[in-house]
Amino acid sequence: MPLPLMPKATAVWLVENTKLDFDQIAEFCGMHPLEVQGIADGEVAVGIIGQDPVATRQLSREDIEACEADPSRKLKLLSTAVPNTPPAKRGKGGKYTPVARRQDKPDAIAWLLKYHPEVSDAQVVKLIGTTKNTINAVRGRTHWNSPNIRPRDPVLLGLCTQVDLDRIVAKARISRPVQEEKNAAES
């Protein structure tokens, strides 16, 4: 059975606004009954605002009332529930990096230069959100913080996603032999 869109928020709402038992809520939300009991006791999901499953067309009011009357009955997700949609694609423009992450960019650049030298500077600029001058400073060890730079994975630093990194590395590996053939032909 598919789960509700936001299981914990839905469970919080059901605990606060219905007389359903913990087992019914737990089964519907894909949680353990003790976790639902923790929500009721105020120990779990503190600060989570409840999401009304009737308003989001996940449950009908009639189904909730029928389950309140019969504890052996199970809640059923409506077929009209809004499906999980992928997040909207980010448009063109600058990629904002929080101030706390900006000092990690040279480390990410060093990691890419060390483990993926086939990736072009333009691809690194796009992936990390840096400048070619910074890349050249890290490569030539003329960066102002050069003694403290250590190669660290940009995905683990939160500067890009693994999907983006894999896509750029694959694209670089495909275009690398073409560039080498051009360089050999020019020589």
Protein backbone atom coordinates (compact mmCIF):
# COMPACT_ATOMS: atom_id res chain seq x y z
CA MET A 1 0.00 0.00 0.00
CA PRO A 2 1.42 3.42 -0.89
CA LEU A 3 2.26 5.71 2.00
CA PRO A 4 0.90 9.23 2.53
CA LEU A 5 2.90 12.11 1.11
CA MET A 6 4.34 13.27 4.43
CA PRO A 7 3.93 10.35 6.85
CA LYS A 8 5.06 11.99 10.11
CA ALA A 9 3.10 15.18 9.49
CA THR A 10 0.05 13.09 8.61
CA ALA A 11 0.53 10.96 11.75
CA VAL A 12 0.78 14.10 13.90
CA TRP A 13 -2.51 15.39 12.47
CA LEU A 14 -4.27 12.03 12.91
CA VAL A 15 -3.10 11.74 16.54
CA GLU A 16 -4.21 15.28 17.35
CA ASN A 17 -7.53 15.32 15.47
CA THR A 18 -8.98 11.79 15.46
CA LYS A 19 -9.82 8.96 17.81
CA LEU A 20 -7.99 6.35 15.71
CA ASP A 21 -5.85 3.87 17.59
CA PHE A 22 -2.06 3.84 17.27
CA ASP A 23 -2.02 0.64 15.19
CA GLN A 24 -4.33 2.14 12.54
CA ILE A 25 -2.29 5.32 12.26
CA ALA A 26 1.00 3.40 12.27
CA GLU A 27 -0.10 1.06 9.49
CA PHE A 28 -1.40 3.89 7.33
CA CYS A 29 1.71 6.05 7.80
CA GLY A 30 4.24 3.19 7.58
CA MET A 31 5.47 3.74 11.12
CA HIS A 32 5.82 1.60 14.24
CA PRO A 33 2.95 1.84 16.77
CA LEU A 34 5.42 2.89 19.48
CA GLU A 35 6.55 5.78 17.30
CA VAL A 36 2.93 6.90 16.97
CA GLN A 37 2.55 6.58 20.73
CA GLY A 38 5.68 8.75 21.07
CA ILE A 39 3.99 11.37 18.89
CA ALA A 40 0.95 11.27 21.18
CA ASP A 41 3.19 11.60 24.26
CA GLY A 42 5.04 14.54 22.71
CA GLU A 43 8.40 12.74 22.58
CA VAL A 44 8.58 12.14 18.82
CA ALA A 45 8.04 14.59 15.94
CA VAL A 46 8.34 17.62 18.20
CA GLY A 47 7.92 20.74 16.10
CA ILE A 48 6.36 18.97 13.12
CA ILE A 49 3.16 20.66 12.03
CA GLY A 50 0.37 18.22 11.28
CA GLN A 51 -0.81 17.83 7.69
CA ASP A 52 -4.51 17.28 7.13
CA PRO A 53 -4.89 14.12 4.99
CA VAL A 54 -8.47 15.08 4.12
CA ALA A 55 -7.39 18.46 2.73
CA THR A 56 -4.64 16.82 0.68
CA ARG A 57 -7.10 14.22 -0.62
CA GLN A 58 -5.24 11.28 0.94
CA LEU A 59 -8.18 10.18 3.09
CA SER A 60 -11.89 10.81 3.15
CA ARG A 61 -13.67 12.04 6.27
CA GLU A 62 -16.04 9.06 5.96
CA ASP A 63 -13.14 6.57 5.99
CA ILE A 64 -11.69 8.18 9.12
CA GLU A 65 -15.07 8.07 10.89
CA ALA A 66 -15.62 4.44 9.88
CA CYS A 67 -12.17 3.49 11.21
CA GLU A 68 -12.82 5.36 14.46
CA ALA A 69 -16.00 3.27 14.92
CA ASP A 70 -14.29 -0.04 14.02
CA PRO A 71 -10.70 -0.41 15.36
CA SER A 72 -10.10 -3.51 13.23
CA ARG A 73 -10.67 -1.55 10.00
CA LYS A 74 -7.68 -0.09 8.12
CA LEU A 75 -7.34 3.36 6.60
CA LYS A 76 -7.13 3.36 2.81
CA LEU A 77 -5.21 5.93 0.77
CA LEU A 78 -7.47 7.54 -1.82
CA SER A 79 -6.51 7.06 -5.45
CA THR A 80 -6.87 10.83 -5.95
CA ALA A 81 -3.96 11.56 -3.60
CA VAL A 82 -1.44 13.92 -5.12
CA PRO A 83 1.53 11.86 -6.35
CA ASN A 84 5.06 12.71 -5.29
CA THR A 85 6.31 15.09 -7.93
CA PRO A 86 9.98 15.71 -8.52
CA PRO A 87 11.22 19.13 -7.46
CA ALA A 88 11.09 21.83 -10.10
CA LYS A 89 14.21 22.25 -12.19
CA ARG A 90 16.37 25.15 -11.17
CA GLY A 91 16.50 27.87 -13.77
CA LYS A 92 19.58 29.49 -15.20
CA GLY A 93 21.46 31.86 -13.01
CA GLY A 94 23.92 31.82 -10.18
CA LYS A 95 23.98 28.97 -7.73
CA TYR A 96 23.82 30.30 -4.17
CA THR A 97 26.25 28.75 -1.72
CA PRO A 98 25.78 29.49 1.98
CA VAL A 99 28.57 31.45 3.63
CA ALA A 100 29.46 28.45 5.80
CA ARG A 101 30.13 26.32 2.68
CA ARG A 102 32.17 28.84 0.70
CA GLN A 103 35.47 28.02 2.40
CA ASP A 104 34.98 24.39 1.30
CA LYS A 105 35.12 25.20 -2.41
CA PRO A 106 38.95 25.06 -2.73
CA ASP A 107 38.90 21.62 -1.05
CA ALA A 108 36.28 20.43 -3.56
CA ILE A 109 38.30 21.85 -6.45
CA ALA A 110 41.42 20.05 -5.21
CA TRP A 111 39.45 16.80 -4.99
CA LEU A 112 38.17 17.15 -8.55
CA LEU A 113 41.65 18.00 -9.86
CA LYS A 114 43.14 15.00 -8.08
CA TYR A 115 40.52 12.32 -8.77
CA HIS A 116 38.92 13.57 -12.01
CA PRO A 117 41.54 15.48 -14.02
CA GLU A 118 39.50 14.80 -17.18
CA VAL A 119 36.84 17.29 -16.04
CA SER A 120 37.37 20.65 -17.72
CA ASP A 121 37.66 23.92 -15.82
CA ALA A 122 34.34 25.09 -17.28
CA GLN A 123 32.62 21.98 -15.93
CA VAL A 124 34.17 22.51 -12.49
CA VAL A 125 33.00 26.14 -12.54
CA LYS A 126 29.46 25.02 -13.30
CA LEU A 127 29.46 22.12 -10.82
CA ILE A 128 31.00 23.85 -7.80
CA GLY A 129 29.98 27.43 -8.55
CA THR A 130 33.48 28.88 -8.51
CA THR A 131 35.75 30.84 -10.89
CA LYS A 132 38.52 29.80 -13.25
CA ASN A 133 40.93 32.01 -11.31
CA THR A 134 40.24 30.02 -8.14
CA ILE A 135 40.72 26.74 -10.01
CA ASN A 136 44.05 27.93 -11.42
CA ALA A 137 45.15 29.16 -7.97
CA VAL A 138 44.36 25.78 -6.40
CA ARG A 139 46.05 23.91 -9.28
CA GLY A 140 49.18 26.11 -9.13
CA ARG A 141 49.24 26.20 -5.32
CA THR A 142 49.07 30.00 -5.34
CA HIS A 143 45.74 30.15 -3.51
CA TRP A 144 45.93 32.32 -0.38
CA ASN A 145 44.90 29.34 1.77
CA SER A 146 47.00 26.78 -0.09
CA PRO A 147 48.69 25.19 2.96
CA ASN A 148 45.29 24.32 4.45
CA ILE A 149 43.61 22.96 1.32
CA ARG A 150 42.98 19.22 1.43
CA PRO A 151 41.03 17.33 -1.24
CA ARG A 152 37.47 16.58 -0.06
CA ASP A 153 34.53 15.19 -2.01
CA PRO A 154 32.21 18.03 -3.16
CA VAL A 155 29.16 15.79 -2.66
CA LEU A 156 30.02 15.22 1.00
CA LEU A 157 30.64 18.95 1.39
CA GLY A 158 27.16 19.66 0.05
CA LEU A 159 28.36 21.71 -2.93
CA CYS A 160 26.77 19.45 -5.57
CA THR A 161 24.75 16.27 -5.85
CA GLN A 162 26.14 12.84 -6.69
CA VAL A 163 23.95 12.75 -9.80
CA ASP A 164 25.43 16.04 -11.08
CA LEU A 165 28.98 14.88 -10.34
CA ASP A 166 28.47 11.52 -12.09
CA ARG A 167 26.89 13.23 -15.11
CA ILE A 168 29.78 15.68 -15.51
CA VAL A 169 32.44 12.99 -15.03
CA ALA A 170 30.75 10.74 -17.60
CA LYS A 171 30.49 13.62 -20.06
CA ALA A 172 34.16 14.49 -19.50
CA ARG A 173 35.27 10.90 -20.08
CA ILE A 174 33.39 10.81 -23.37
CA SER A 175 34.81 14.11 -24.61
CA ARG A 176 38.38 13.45 -23.39
CA PRO A 177 39.35 10.98 -26.19
CA VAL A 178 38.00 13.43 -28.79
CA GLN A 179 40.20 16.21 -27.40
CA GLU A 180 43.25 13.91 -27.33
CA GLU A 181 42.68 12.98 -30.98
CA LYS A 182 42.47 16.69 -31.93
CA ASN A 183 45.68 17.44 -30.03
CA ALA A 184 47.45 14.51 -31.73
CA ALA A 185 46.27 15.68 -35.17
CA GLU A 186 47.55 19.24 -34.51
CA SER A 187 51.02 17.97 -33.49
